[in-house]
PDB file of N, CA and C in Angstrom:
ATOM      1  N   MET A   1     -21.556  18.077   8.620  1.00  0.00           N
ATOM      2  CA  MET A   1     -20.045  18.071   8.361  1.00  0.00           C
ATOM      3  C   MET A   1     -19.907  17.123   7.050  1.00  0.00           C
ATOM      4  N   SER A   2     -19.097  17.714   6.142  1.00  0.00           N
ATOM      5  CA  SER A   2     -18.864  16.996   4.948  1.00  0.00           C
ATOM      6  C   SER A   2     -17.858  15.829   5.281  1.00  0.00           C
ATOM      7  N   THR A   3     -18.138  14.637   4.615  1.00  0.00           N
ATOM      8  CA  THR A   3     -17.099  13.566   4.729  1.00  0.00           C
ATOM      9  C   THR A   3     -16.202  13.714   3.680  1.00  0.00           C
ATOM     10  N   HIS A   4     -16.250  14.692   2.659  1.00  0.00           N
ATOM     11  CA  HIS A   4     -15.221  14.534   1.563  1.00  0.00           C
ATOM     12  C   HIS A   4     -15.366  16.022   1.082  1.00  0.00           C
ATOM     13  N   ASP A   5     -14.180  16.573   0.825  1.00  0.00           N
ATOM     14  CA  ASP A   5     -14.052  17.954   0.102  1.00  0.00           C
ATOM     15  C   ASP A   5     -13.480  17.814  -1.191  1.00  0.00           C
ATOM     16  N   PRO A   6     -14.064  17.982  -2.300  1.00  0.00           N
ATOM     17  CA  PRO A   6     -13.388  17.687  -3.565  1.00  0.00           C
ATOM     18  C   PRO A   6     -12.196  18.478  -3.911  1.00  0.00           C
ATOM     19  N   ASP A   7     -11.950  19.715  -3.187  1.00  0.00           N
ATOM     20  CA  ASP A   7     -10.855  20.526  -3.345  1.00  0.00           C
ATOM     21  C   ASP A   7      -9.615  20.162  -2.274  1.00  0.00           C
ATOM     22  N   CYS A   8      -9.831  19.395  -1.545  1.00  0.00           N
ATOM     23  CA  CYS A   8      -8.818  18.940  -0.500  1.00  0.00           C
ATOM     24  C   CYS A   8      -7.811  17.869  -0.996  1.00  0.00           C
ATOM     25  N   ILE A   9      -6.465  18.208  -0.983  1.00  0.00           N
ATOM     26  CA  ILE A   9      -5.507  17.287  -1.357  1.00  0.00           C
ATOM     27  C   ILE A   9      -5.508  15.972  -0.635  1.00  0.00           C
ATOM     28  N   PHE A  10      -5.733  16.019   0.810  1.00  0.00           N
ATOM     29  CA  PHE A  10      -5.743  14.769   1.565  1.00  0.00           C
ATOM     30  C   PHE A  10      -7.043  13.983   0.904  1.00  0.00           C
ATOM     31  N   CYS A  11      -8.261  14.644   0.815  1.00  0.00           N
ATOM     32  CA  CYS A  11      -9.452  13.935   0.385  1.00  0.00           C
ATOM     33  C   CYS A  11      -8.945  13.148  -1.005  1.00  0.00           C
ATOM     34  N   LYS A  12      -8.282  13.882  -1.763  1.00  0.00           N
ATOM     35  CA  LYS A  12      -8.034  13.267  -3.079  1.00  0.00           C
ATOM     36  C   LYS A  12      -7.082  12.048  -2.840  1.00  0.00           C
ATOM     37  N   ILE A  13      -6.087  12.210  -1.949  1.00  0.00           N
ATOM     38  CA  ILE A  13      -5.331  11.033  -1.695  1.00  0.00           C
ATOM     39  C   ILE A  13      -5.992   9.890  -1.163  1.00  0.00           C
ATOM     40  N   ILE A  14      -7.006  10.213  -0.255  1.00  0.00           N
ATOM     41  CA  ILE A  14      -7.696   9.148   0.297  1.00  0.00           C
ATOM     42  C   ILE A  14      -8.500   8.410  -0.685  1.00  0.00           C
ATOM     43  N   ALA A  15      -9.163   9.236  -1.712  1.00  0.00           N
ATOM     44  CA  ALA A  15      -9.928   8.556  -2.872  1.00  0.00           C
ATOM     45  C   ALA A  15      -8.994   8.052  -3.879  1.00  0.00           C
ATOM     46  N   GLY A  16      -7.823   8.089  -3.700  1.00  0.00           N
ATOM     47  CA  GLY A  16      -6.836   7.410  -4.685  1.00  0.00           C
ATOM     48  C   GLY A  16      -6.633   8.234  -5.859  1.00  0.00           C
ATOM     49  N   GLN A  17      -7.017   9.522  -6.091  1.00  0.00           N
ATOM     50  CA  GLN A  17      -6.826  10.338  -7.117  1.00  0.00           C
ATOM     51  C   GLN A  17      -5.482  10.842  -7.202  1.00  0.00           C
ATOM     52  N   ILE A  18      -4.751  10.905  -6.108  1.00  0.00           N
ATOM     53  CA  ILE A  18      -3.317  11.375  -5.989  1.00  0.00           C
ATOM     54  C   ILE A  18      -2.621  10.203  -5.442  1.00  0.00           C
ATOM     55  N   PRO A  19      -1.454   9.614  -5.941  1.00  0.00           N
ATOM     56  CA  PRO A  19      -0.738   8.604  -5.353  1.00  0.00           C
ATOM     57  C   PRO A  19      -0.198   8.944  -4.270  1.00  0.00           C
ATOM     58  N   SER A  20       0.043   7.975  -3.413  1.00  0.00           N
ATOM     59  CA  SER A  20       0.821   8.177  -1.937  1.00  0.00           C
ATOM     60  C   SER A  20       1.362   6.716  -1.744  1.00  0.00           C
ATOM     61  N   LYS A  21       2.364   6.926  -0.854  1.00  0.00           N
ATOM     62  CA  LYS A  21       3.087   5.654  -0.286  1.00  0.00           C
ATOM     63  C   LYS A  21       2.542   5.318   0.985  1.00  0.00           C
ATOM     64  N   ARG A  22       1.402   4.422   0.965  1.00  0.00           N
ATOM     65  CA  ARG A  22       0.748   3.984   2.031  1.00  0.00           C
ATOM     66  C   ARG A  22       1.303   3.304   3.212  1.00  0.00           C
ATOM     67  N   VAL A  23       1.090   3.623   4.449  1.00  0.00           N
ATOM     68  CA  VAL A  23       1.688   2.724   5.593  1.00  0.00           C
ATOM     69  C   VAL A  23       0.562   1.984   6.081  1.00  0.00           C
ATOM     70  N   TYR A  24      -0.657   2.445   6.217  1.00  0.00           N
ATOM     71  CA  TYR A  24      -1.663   1.820   6.827  1.00  0.00           C
ATOM     72  C   TYR A  24      -3.049   2.399   6.384  1.00  0.00           C
ATOM     73  N   GLU A  25      -4.002   1.501   6.370  1.00  0.00           N
ATOM     74  CA  GLU A  25      -5.422   2.039   6.012  1.00  0.00           C
ATOM     75  C   GLU A  25      -6.466   1.135   6.612  1.00  0.00           C
ATOM     76  N   ASP A  26      -7.374   1.731   7.172  1.00  0.00           N
ATOM     77  CA  ASP A  26      -8.672   1.082   7.604  1.00  0.00           C
ATOM     78  C   ASP A  26      -9.813   1.689   7.145  1.00  0.00           C
ATOM     79  N   GLU A  27     -10.972   1.328   7.894  1.00  0.00           N
ATOM     80  CA  GLU A  27     -12.311   2.088   7.337  1.00  0.00           C
ATOM     81  C   GLU A  27     -12.276   3.652   7.707  1.00  0.00           C
ATOM     82  N   ASP A  28     -11.576   3.973   8.694  1.00  0.00           N
ATOM     83  CA  ASP A  28     -11.521   5.409   9.125  1.00  0.00           C
ATOM     84  C   ASP A  28     -10.396   6.206   9.077  1.00  0.00           C
ATOM     85  N   LEU A  29      -9.095   5.547   8.824  1.00  0.00           N
ATOM     86  CA  LEU A  29      -8.001   6.138   8.816  1.00  0.00           C
ATOM     87  C   LEU A  29      -7.226   5.965   7.505  1.00  0.00           C
ATOM     88  N   LEU A  30      -6.339   6.837   6.955  1.00  0.00           N
ATOM     89  CA  LEU A  30      -5.238   6.634   5.975  1.00  0.00           C
ATOM     90  C   LEU A  30      -4.096   6.989   6.632  1.00  0.00           C
ATOM     91  N   VAL A  31      -2.834   6.247   6.512  1.00  0.00           N
ATOM     92  CA  VAL A  31      -1.575   6.792   6.928  1.00  0.00           C
ATOM     93  C   VAL A  31      -0.666   6.748   5.825  1.00  0.00           C
ATOM     94  N   PHE A  32       0.088   7.633   5.484  1.00  0.00           N
ATOM     95  CA  PHE A  32       1.056   7.722   4.401  1.00  0.00           C
ATOM     96  C   PHE A  32       2.207   8.533   4.559  1.00  0.00           C
ATOM     97  N   HIS A  33       3.329   8.138   3.779  1.00  0.00           N
ATOM     98  CA  HIS A  33       4.567   8.791   4.002  1.00  0.00           C
ATOM     99  C   HIS A  33       4.454  10.382   3.530  1.00  0.00           C
ATOM    100  N   ASP A  34       5.215  11.182   4.161  1.00  0.00           N
ATOM    101  CA  ASP A  34       5.139  12.567   3.851  1.00  0.00           C
ATOM    102  C   ASP A  34       6.109  12.722   2.591  1.00  0.00           C
ATOM    103  N   ILE A  35       5.534  13.594   1.648  1.00  0.00           N
ATOM    104  CA  ILE A  35       6.365  13.681   0.424  1.00  0.00           C
ATOM    105  C   ILE A  35       7.698  14.602   0.675  1.00  0.00           C
ATOM    106  N   HIS A  36       7.523  15.524   1.678  1.00  0.00           N
ATOM    107  CA  HIS A  36       8.701  16.333   1.999  1.00  0.00           C
ATOM    108  C   HIS A  36       9.177  15.938   3.462  1.00  0.00           C
ATOM    109  N   PRO A  37       9.733  14.907   3.808  1.00  0.00           N
ATOM    110  CA  PRO A  37      10.050  14.372   5.215  1.00  0.00           C
ATOM    111  C   PRO A  37      10.965  15.360   5.756  1.00  0.00           C
ATOM    112  N   TRP A  38      10.838  15.519   7.088  1.00  0.00           N
ATOM    113  CA  TRP A  38      11.670  16.253   7.828  1.00  0.00           C
ATOM    114  C   TRP A  38      12.495  15.391   8.742  1.00  0.00           C
ATOM    115  N   ALA A  39      12.172  14.290   8.760  1.00  0.00           N
ATOM    116  CA  ALA A  39      13.122  13.186   9.681  1.00  0.00           C
ATOM    117  C   ALA A  39      13.204  11.979   8.865  1.00  0.00           C
ATOM    118  N   PRO A  40      14.005  11.057   9.484  1.00  0.00           N
ATOM    119  CA  PRO A  40      14.434   9.695   8.766  1.00  0.00           C
ATOM    120  C   PRO A  40      12.967   8.987   8.557  1.00  0.00           C
ATOM    121  N   VAL A  41      12.038   9.024   9.780  1.00  0.00           N
ATOM    122  CA  VAL A  41      10.734   8.479   9.599  1.00  0.00           C
ATOM    123  C   VAL A  41       9.774   9.605   9.724  1.00  0.00           C
ATOM    124  N   HIS A  42       8.981   9.713   8.621  1.00  0.00           N
ATOM    125  CA  HIS A  42       7.986  10.959   8.771  1.00  0.00           C
ATOM    126  C   HIS A  42       6.651  10.506   7.919  1.00  0.00           C
ATOM    127  N   PHE A  43       5.606  10.224   8.666  1.00  0.00           N
ATOM    128  CA  PHE A  43       4.400  10.058   7.825  1.00  0.00           C
ATOM    129  C   PHE A  43       3.212  10.701   8.543  1.00  0.00           C
ATOM    130  N   LEU A  44       2.136  10.848   7.813  1.00  0.00           N
ATOM    131  CA  LEU A  44       1.026  11.534   8.141  1.00  0.00           C
ATOM    132  C   LEU A  44      -0.091  10.581   8.477  1.00  0.00           C
ATOM    133  N   MET A  45      -0.928  10.853   9.574  1.00  0.00           N
ATOM    134  CA  MET A  45      -2.158  10.141   9.804  1.00  0.00           C
ATOM    135  C   MET A  45      -3.185  10.915   9.653  1.00  0.00           C
ATOM    136  N   VAL A  46      -4.198  10.604   8.729  1.00  0.00           N
ATOM    137  CA  VAL A  46      -5.394  11.517   8.446  1.00  0.00           C
ATOM    138  C   VAL A  46      -6.804  10.705   8.552  1.00  0.00           C
ATOM    139  N   PRO A  47      -7.850  11.316   9.107  1.00  0.00           N
ATOM    140  CA  PRO A  47      -9.131  10.543   9.033  1.00  0.00           C
ATOM    141  C   PRO A  47      -9.649  10.642   7.641  1.00  0.00           C
ATOM    142  N   LYS A  48     -10.409   9.558   7.328  1.00  0.00           N
ATOM    143  CA  LYS A  48     -10.981   9.658   5.916  1.00  0.00           C
ATOM    144  C   LYS A  48     -12.126  10.545   5.821  1.00  0.00           C
ATOM    145  N   THR A  49     -12.737  10.836   7.018  1.00  0.00           N
ATOM    146  CA  THR A  49     -13.820  12.016   7.011  1.00  0.00           C
ATOM    147  C   THR A  49     -13.024  13.277   7.059  1.00  0.00           C
ATOM    148  N   HIS A  50     -13.665  14.295   6.075  1.00  0.00           N
ATOM    149  CA  HIS A  50     -13.082  15.461   6.148  1.00  0.00           C
ATOM    150  C   HIS A  50     -13.318  16.332   7.307  1.00  0.00           C
ATOM    151  N   ILE A  51     -12.464  16.507   8.123  1.00  0.00           N
ATOM    152  CA  ILE A  51     -12.432  17.452   9.520  1.00  0.00           C
ATOM    153  C   ILE A  51     -11.431  18.357   9.080  1.00  0.00           C
ATOM    154  N   ALA A  52     -11.902  19.761   9.166  1.00  0.00           N
ATOM    155  CA  ALA A  52     -10.871  20.696   8.878  1.00  0.00           C
ATOM    156  C   ALA A  52      -9.568  20.702   9.714  1.00  0.00           C
ATOM    157  N   SER A  53      -9.808  20.685  10.947  1.00  0.00           N
ATOM    158  CA  SER A  53      -8.643  20.789  11.920  1.00  0.00           C
ATOM    159  C   SER A  53      -8.965  20.310  13.215  1.00  0.00           C
ATOM    160  N   MET A  54      -8.159  20.198  14.116  1.00  0.00           N
ATOM    161  CA  MET A  54      -8.475  19.948  15.701  1.00  0.00           C
ATOM    162  C   MET A  54      -9.554  20.984  16.192  1.00  0.00           C
ATOM    163  N   ALA A  55      -9.521  22.175  15.741  1.00  0.00           N
ATOM    164  CA  ALA A  55     -10.524  23.114  16.334  1.00  0.00           C
ATOM    165  C   ALA A  55     -12.022  22.553  15.794  1.00  0.00           C
ATOM    166  N   GLN A  56     -12.085  21.820  14.913  1.00  0.00           N
ATOM    167  CA  GLN A  56     -13.561  21.214  14.594  1.00  0.00           C
ATOM    168  C   GLN A  56     -13.974  19.957  15.199  1.00  0.00           C
ATOM    169  N   LEU A  57     -13.132  19.464  15.975  1.00  0.00           N
ATOM    170  CA  LEU A  57     -13.375  18.148  16.700  1.00  0.00           C
ATOM    171  C   LEU A  57     -14.515  18.289  17.808  1.00  0.00           C
ATOM    172  N   THR A  58     -15.325  17.376  17.848  1.00  0.00           N
ATOM    173  CA  THR A  58     -16.584  17.413  18.760  1.00  0.00           C
ATOM    174  C   THR A  58     -16.411  16.136  19.562  1.00  0.00           C
ATOM    175  N   PRO A  59     -17.146  15.904  20.488  1.00  0.00           N
ATOM    176  CA  PRO A  59     -17.252  14.626  21.311  1.00  0.00           C
ATOM    177  C   PRO A  59     -17.425  13.439  20.499  1.00  0.00           C
ATOM    178  N   GLU A  60     -18.067  13.532  19.250  1.00  0.00           N
ATOM    179  CA  GLU A  60     -18.335  12.351  18.400  1.00  0.00           C
ATOM    180  C   GLU A  60     -17.039  11.789  17.817  1.00  0.00           C
ATOM    181  N   HIS A  61     -15.776  12.590  17.981  1.00  0.00           N
ATOM    182  CA  HIS A  61     -14.512  12.391  17.319  1.00  0.00           C
ATOM    183  C   HIS A  61     -13.552  11.704  18.372  1.00  0.00           C
ATOM    184  N   GLU A  62     -14.069  11.320  19.651  1.00  0.00           N
ATOM    185  CA  GLU A  62     -13.293  11.034  20.626  1.00  0.00           C
ATOM    186  C   GLU A  62     -12.648   9.580  20.302  1.00  0.00           C
ATOM    187  N   ARG A  63     -13.598   8.550  19.833  1.00  0.00           N
ATOM    188  CA  ARG A  63     -13.060   7.310  19.502  1.00  0.00           C
ATOM    189  C   ARG A  63     -11.979   7.450  18.491  1.00  0.00           C
ATOM    190  N   LEU A  64     -12.238   8.057  17.311  1.00  0.00           N
ATOM    191  CA  LEU A  64     -11.437   8.142  16.355  1.00  0.00           C
ATOM    192  C   LEU A  64      -9.963   8.792  16.803  1.00  0.00           C
ATOM    193  N   MET A  65     -10.161   9.848  17.557  1.00  0.00           N
ATOM    194  CA  MET A  65      -8.694  10.439  17.962  1.00  0.00           C
ATOM    195  C   MET A  65      -8.031   9.570  18.898  1.00  0.00           C
ATOM    196  N   GLY A  66      -8.750   8.707  19.782  1.00  0.00           N
ATOM    197  CA  GLY A  66      -8.074   7.726  20.579  1.00  0.00           C
ATOM    198  C   GLY A  66      -7.458   6.645  19.924  1.00  0.00           C
ATOM    199  N   ARG A  67      -8.159   6.313  18.729  1.00  0.00           N
ATOM    200  CA  ARG A  67      -7.493   5.080  17.908  1.00  0.00           C
ATOM    201  C   ARG A  67      -6.224   5.575  17.327  1.00  0.00           C
ATOM    202  N   MET A  68      -6.293   6.928  16.734  1.00  0.00           N
ATOM    203  CA  MET A  68      -5.078   7.496  16.211  1.00  0.00           C
ATOM    204  C   MET A  68      -3.876   7.669  17.326  1.00  0.00           C
ATOM    205  N   MET A  69      -4.129   7.935  18.328  1.00  0.00           N
ATOM    206  CA  MET A  69      -2.997   8.138  19.532  1.00  0.00           C
ATOM    207  C   MET A  69      -2.529   6.608  19.848  1.00  0.00           C
ATOM    208  N   VAL A  70      -3.319   5.702  19.821  1.00  0.00           N
ATOM    209  CA  VAL A  70      -2.932   4.256  20.110  1.00  0.00           C
ATOM    210  C   VAL A  70      -2.307   3.699  18.859  1.00  0.00           C
ATOM    211  N   LEU A  71      -2.572   4.061  17.811  1.00  0.00           N
ATOM    212  CA  LEU A  71      -2.028   3.416  16.468  1.00  0.00           C
ATOM    213  C   LEU A  71      -0.481   4.086  16.250  1.00  0.00           C
ATOM    214  N   ALA A  72      -0.472   5.201  16.581  1.00  0.00           N
ATOM    215  CA  ALA A  72       0.807   5.950  16.317  1.00  0.00           C
ATOM    216  C   ALA A  72       2.054   5.270  16.763  1.00  0.00           C
ATOM    217  N   PRO A  73       2.240   4.949  18.053  1.00  0.00           N
ATOM    218  CA  PRO A  73       3.511   4.180  18.411  1.00  0.00           C
ATOM    219  C   PRO A  73       3.692   2.988  17.854  1.00  0.00           C
ATOM    220  N   LYS A  74       2.646   2.198  17.344  1.00  0.00           N
ATOM    221  CA  LYS A  74       2.827   0.893  16.693  1.00  0.00           C
ATOM    222  C   LYS A  74       3.349   1.129  15.287  1.00  0.00           C
ATOM    223  N   LEU A  75       2.772   1.992  14.649  1.00  0.00           N
ATOM    224  CA  LEU A  75       3.186   2.277  13.175  1.00  0.00           C
ATOM    225  C   LEU A  75       4.607   2.949  13.167  1.00  0.00           C
ATOM    226  N   ALA A  76       4.948   3.805  14.243  1.00  0.00           N
ATOM    227  CA  ALA A  76       6.215   4.412  14.415  1.00  0.00           C
ATOM    228  C   ALA A  76       7.385   3.435  14.442  1.00  0.00           C
ATOM    229  N   LEU A  77       7.105   2.370  15.239  1.00  0.00           N
ATOM    230  CA  LEU A  77       8.059   1.397  15.406  1.00  0.00           C
ATOM    231  C   LEU A  77       8.286   0.463  14.137  1.00  0.00           C
ATOM    232  N   GLU A  78       7.103   0.321  13.605  1.00  0.00           N
ATOM    233  CA  GLU A  78       6.958  -0.641  12.268  1.00  0.00           C
ATOM    234  C   GLU A  78       7.815   0.307  11.026  1.00  0.00           C
ATOM    235  N   GLN A  79       7.769   1.551  11.204  1.00  0.00           N
ATOM    236  CA  GLN A  79       8.386   2.281  10.111  1.00  0.00           C
ATOM    237  C   GLN A  79       9.861   2.667  10.367  1.00  0.00           C
ATOM    238  N   GLY A  80      10.360   2.198  11.491  1.00  0.00           N
ATOM    239  CA  GLY A  80      11.722   2.417  11.764  1.00  0.00           C
ATOM    240  C   GLY A  80      12.296   3.242  12.926  1.00  0.00           C
ATOM    241  N   CYS A  81      11.354   3.809  13.732  1.00  0.00           N
ATOM    242  CA  CYS A  81      11.625   4.439  14.998  1.00  0.00           C
ATOM    243  C   CYS A  81      12.132   3.473  16.033  1.00  0.00           C
ATOM    244  N   ASN A  82      13.173   4.086  16.733  1.00  0.00           N
ATOM    245  CA  ASN A  82      13.693   3.192  17.711  1.00  0.00           C
ATOM    246  C   ASN A  82      12.861   3.122  18.947  1.00  0.00           C
ATOM    247  N   PRO A  83      12.742   2.052  19.696  1.00  0.00           N
ATOM    248  CA  PRO A  83      12.070   1.889  20.979  1.00  0.00           C
ATOM    249  C   PRO A  83      12.189   3.037  21.983  1.00  0.00           C
ATOM    250  N   TYR A  84      11.135   3.246  22.706  1.00  0.00           N
ATOM    251  CA  TYR A  84      11.223   4.073  24.013  1.00  0.00           C
ATOM    252  C   TYR A  84      12.096   3.301  25.053  1.00  0.00           C
ATOM    253  N   PRO A  85      12.774   4.011  25.757  1.00  0.00           N
ATOM    254  CA  PRO A  85      12.849   5.399  26.158  1.00  0.00           C
ATOM    255  C   PRO A  85      13.925   6.285  25.256  1.00  0.00           C
ATOM    256  N   ASP A  86      14.898   5.357  24.689  1.00  0.00           N
ATOM    257  CA  ASP A  86      16.167   6.067  24.218  1.00  0.00           C
ATOM    258  C   ASP A  86      15.810   6.394  22.458  1.00  0.00           C
ATOM    259  N   GLY A  87      14.793   5.694  22.001  1.00  0.00           N
ATOM    260  CA  GLY A  87      14.367   6.186  20.656  1.00  0.00           C
ATOM    261  C   GLY A  87      13.217   7.118  20.807  1.00  0.00           C
ATOM    262  N   GLY A  88      12.134   6.734  20.176  1.00  0.00           N
ATOM    263  CA  GLY A  88      10.928   7.550  20.253  1.00  0.00           C
ATOM    264  C   GLY A  88      10.504   8.457  18.872  1.00  0.00           C
ATOM    265  N   PHE A  89       9.430   9.248  19.052  1.00  0.00           N
ATOM    266  CA  PHE A  89       9.063   9.927  17.882  1.00  0.00           C
ATOM    267  C   PHE A  89       8.329  11.053  18.264  1.00  0.00           C
ATOM    268  N   ARG A  90       8.071  12.029  17.481  1.00  0.00           N
ATOM    269  CA  ARG A  90       7.257  13.218  17.735  1.00  0.00           C
ATOM    270  C   ARG A  90       6.073  13.116  16.966  1.00  0.00           C
ATOM    271  N   MET A  91       4.860  13.724  17.717  1.00  0.00           N
ATOM    272  CA  MET A  91       3.759  13.689  16.868  1.00  0.00           C
ATOM    273  C   MET A  91       3.311  15.370  16.974  1.00  0.00           C
ATOM    274  N   VAL A  92       2.966  15.915  15.792  1.00  0.00           N
ATOM    275  CA  VAL A  92       2.576  17.157  15.639  1.00  0.00           C
ATOM    276  C   VAL A  92       1.223  17.392  14.928  1.00  0.00           C
ATOM    277  N   CYS A  93       0.550  18.186  15.448  1.00  0.00           N
ATOM    278  CA  CYS A  93      -0.751  18.473  14.703  1.00  0.00           C
ATOM    279  C   CYS A  93      -0.954  19.846  14.673  1.00  0.00           C
ATOM    280  N   ASN A  94      -0.639  20.621  13.489  1.00  0.00           N
ATOM    281  CA  ASN A  94      -0.741  22.020  13.331  1.00  0.00           C
ATOM    282  C   ASN A  94      -2.066  22.422  13.154  1.00  0.00           C
ATOM    283  N   THR A  95      -2.677  23.456  13.845  1.00  0.00           N
ATOM    284  CA  THR A  95      -4.213  23.824  13.748  1.00  0.00           C
ATOM    285  C   THR A  95      -4.202  25.274  13.546  1.00  0.00           C
ATOM    286  N   GLY A  96      -4.776  25.636  12.226  1.00  0.00           N
ATOM    287  CA  GLY A  96      -5.080  26.943  12.012  1.00  0.00           C
ATOM    288  C   GLY A  96      -3.939  27.644  11.306  1.00  0.00           C
ATOM    289  N   THR A  97      -4.058  28.658  10.867  1.00  0.00           N
ATOM    290  CA  THR A  97      -2.985  29.488  10.132  1.00  0.00           C
ATOM    291  C   THR A  97      -1.804  29.813  11.242  1.00  0.00           C
ATOM    292  N   GLU A  98      -2.009  30.384  12.475  1.00  0.00           N
ATOM    293  CA  GLU A  98      -1.142  30.583  13.383  1.00  0.00           C
ATOM    294  C   GLU A  98      -0.454  29.404  13.902  1.00  0.00           C
ATOM    295  N   GLY A  99      -1.038  28.319  13.853  1.00  0.00           N
ATOM    296  CA  GLY A  99      -0.569  27.079  14.267  1.00  0.00           C
ATOM    297  C   GLY A  99       0.267  26.250  13.179  1.00  0.00           C
ATOM    298  N   GLY A 100       0.462  26.864  12.113  1.00  0.00           N
ATOM    299  CA  GLY A 100       1.238  26.308  10.761  1.00  0.00           C
ATOM    300  C   GLY A 100       0.648  25.426  10.055  1.00  0.00           C
ATOM    301  N   GLN A 101      -0.818  25.404  10.183  1.00  0.00           N
ATOM    302  CA  GLN A 101      -1.459  24.228   9.391  1.00  0.00           C
ATOM    303  C   GLN A 101      -1.565  24.839   7.755  1.00  0.00           C
ATOM    304  N   GLU A 102      -1.008  23.858   6.882  1.00  0.00           N
ATOM    305  CA  GLU A 102      -0.958  24.195   5.439  1.00  0.00           C
ATOM    306  C   GLU A 102      -2.126  23.575   4.716  1.00  0.00           C
ATOM    307  N   VAL A 103      -2.540  22.502   5.176  1.00  0.00           N
ATOM    308  CA  VAL A 103      -3.561  21.720   4.391  1.00  0.00           C
ATOM    309  C   VAL A 103      -4.801  21.568   5.493  1.00  0.00           C
ATOM    310  N   ARG A 104      -5.885  22.015   5.096  1.00  0.00           N
ATOM    311  CA  ARG A 104      -7.057  22.264   5.960  1.00  0.00           C
ATOM    312  C   ARG A 104      -7.773  20.780   5.976  1.00  0.00           C
ATOM    313  N   HIS A 105      -7.233  19.858   6.427  1.00  0.00           N
ATOM    314  CA  HIS A 105      -7.832  18.464   6.777  1.00  0.00           C
ATOM    315  C   HIS A 105      -6.792  17.952   7.749  1.00  0.00           C
ATOM    316  N   LEU A 106      -7.674  17.740   8.983  1.00  0.00           N
ATOM    317  CA  LEU A 106      -6.972  17.319  10.131  1.00  0.00           C
ATOM    318  C   LEU A 106      -6.022  16.146   9.698  1.00  0.00           C
ATOM    319  N   HIS A 107      -4.706  16.313  10.294  1.00  0.00           N
ATOM    320  CA  HIS A 107      -3.672  15.440  10.064  1.00  0.00           C
ATOM    321  C   HIS A 107      -2.665  15.629  11.229  1.00  0.00           C
ATOM    322  N   VAL A 108      -2.005  14.251  11.522  1.00  0.00           N
ATOM    323  CA  VAL A 108      -0.920  14.205  12.547  1.00  0.00           C
ATOM    324  C   VAL A 108       0.332  13.823  11.707  1.00  0.00           C
ATOM    325  N   HIS A 109       1.379  14.627  12.073  1.00  0.00           N
ATOM    326  CA  HIS A 109       2.536  14.235  11.513  1.00  0.00           C
ATOM    327  C   HIS A 109       3.323  13.194  12.549  1.00  0.00           C
ATOM    328  N   ILE A 110       3.788  12.092  12.237  1.00  0.00           N
ATOM    329  CA  ILE A 110       4.558  11.345  13.179  1.00  0.00           C
ATOM    330  C   ILE A 110       5.977  11.340  12.616  1.00  0.00           C
ATOM    331  N   MET A 111       6.893  11.773  13.270  1.00  0.00           N
ATOM    332  CA  MET A 111       8.340  11.766  12.941  1.00  0.00           C
ATOM    333  C   MET A 111       9.279  11.215  13.876  1.00  0.00           C
ATOM    334  N   GLY A 112      10.254  10.520  13.373  1.00  0.00           N
ATOM    335  CA  GLY A 112      11.336   9.919  14.400  1.00  0.00           C
ATOM    336  C   GLY A 112      12.472   9.474  13.662  1.00  0.00           C
ATOM    337  N   GLY A 113      13.290   8.798  14.201  1.00  0.00           N
ATOM    338  CA  GLY A 113      14.567   8.369  13.766  1.00  0.00           C
ATOM    339  C   GLY A 113      15.848   9.003  14.354  1.00  0.00           C
ATOM    340  N   PRO A 114      16.995   8.539  14.210  1.00  0.00           N
ATOM    341  CA  PRO A 114      18.095   9.299  14.770  1.00  0.00           C
ATOM    342  C   PRO A 114      18.157  10.645  14.529  1.00  0.00           C
ATOM    343  N   ARG A 115      18.529  11.427  15.519  1.00  0.00           N
ATOM    344  CA  ARG A 115      18.805  12.934  15.340  1.00  0.00           C
ATOM    345  C   ARG A 115      20.136  13.058  14.874  1.00  0.00           C
ATOM    346  N   PRO A 116      20.610  14.308  14.216  1.00  0.00           N
ATOM    347  CA  PRO A 116      19.689  15.369  14.250  1.00  0.00           C
ATOM    348  C   PRO A 116      18.959  15.518  12.941  1.00  0.00           C
ATOM    349  N   TRP A 117      17.678  15.998  13.031  1.00  0.00           N
ATOM    350  CA  TRP A 117      16.779  16.009  11.899  1.00  0.00           C
ATOM    351  C   TRP A 117      17.093  17.361  11.118  1.00  0.00           C
ATOM    352  N   LEU A 118      16.763  17.242   9.891  1.00  0.00           N
ATOM    353  CA  LEU A 118      16.992  18.520   9.041  1.00  0.00           C
ATOM    354  C   LEU A 118      16.094  19.643   9.658  1.00  0.00           C
ATOM    355  N   ARG A 119      14.974  19.384  10.026  1.00  0.00           N
ATOM    356  CA  ARG A 119      14.024  20.399  10.797  1.00  0.00           C
ATOM    357  C   ARG A 119      13.425  19.680  11.914  1.00  0.00           C
ATOM    358  N   GLY A 120      12.891  20.500  12.713  1.00  0.00           N
ATOM    359  CA  GLY A 120      12.008  20.051  13.937  1.00  0.00           C
ATOM    360  C   GLY A 120      12.872  20.060  15.221  1.00  0.00           C
TER     361      GLY A 120
END
């Protein structure tokens, strides 16, 4: 599995070749604001390793995906989502063409804030 795809827009963002408004970064993950937000809070969480989609996950990715799921609520609150249960957020991970995936690099959308949202 390649760790970087030179033609992938998210790999270019991870490498700093394309600017982004970063929310969080560590050795495995980059989190940045969506450039076309659908909600008052809308950011993307991407692994730094190029994984095309959820369909390519293997048991070796369990720890990474677990970290993403645990980190999402913390970042959602920090970015302005209201607390559970009256507040909250939505997580979306489009997979494949029929699943609505536009960028072939695994990414999770985290969206929240007061409704109604423009989309979603």
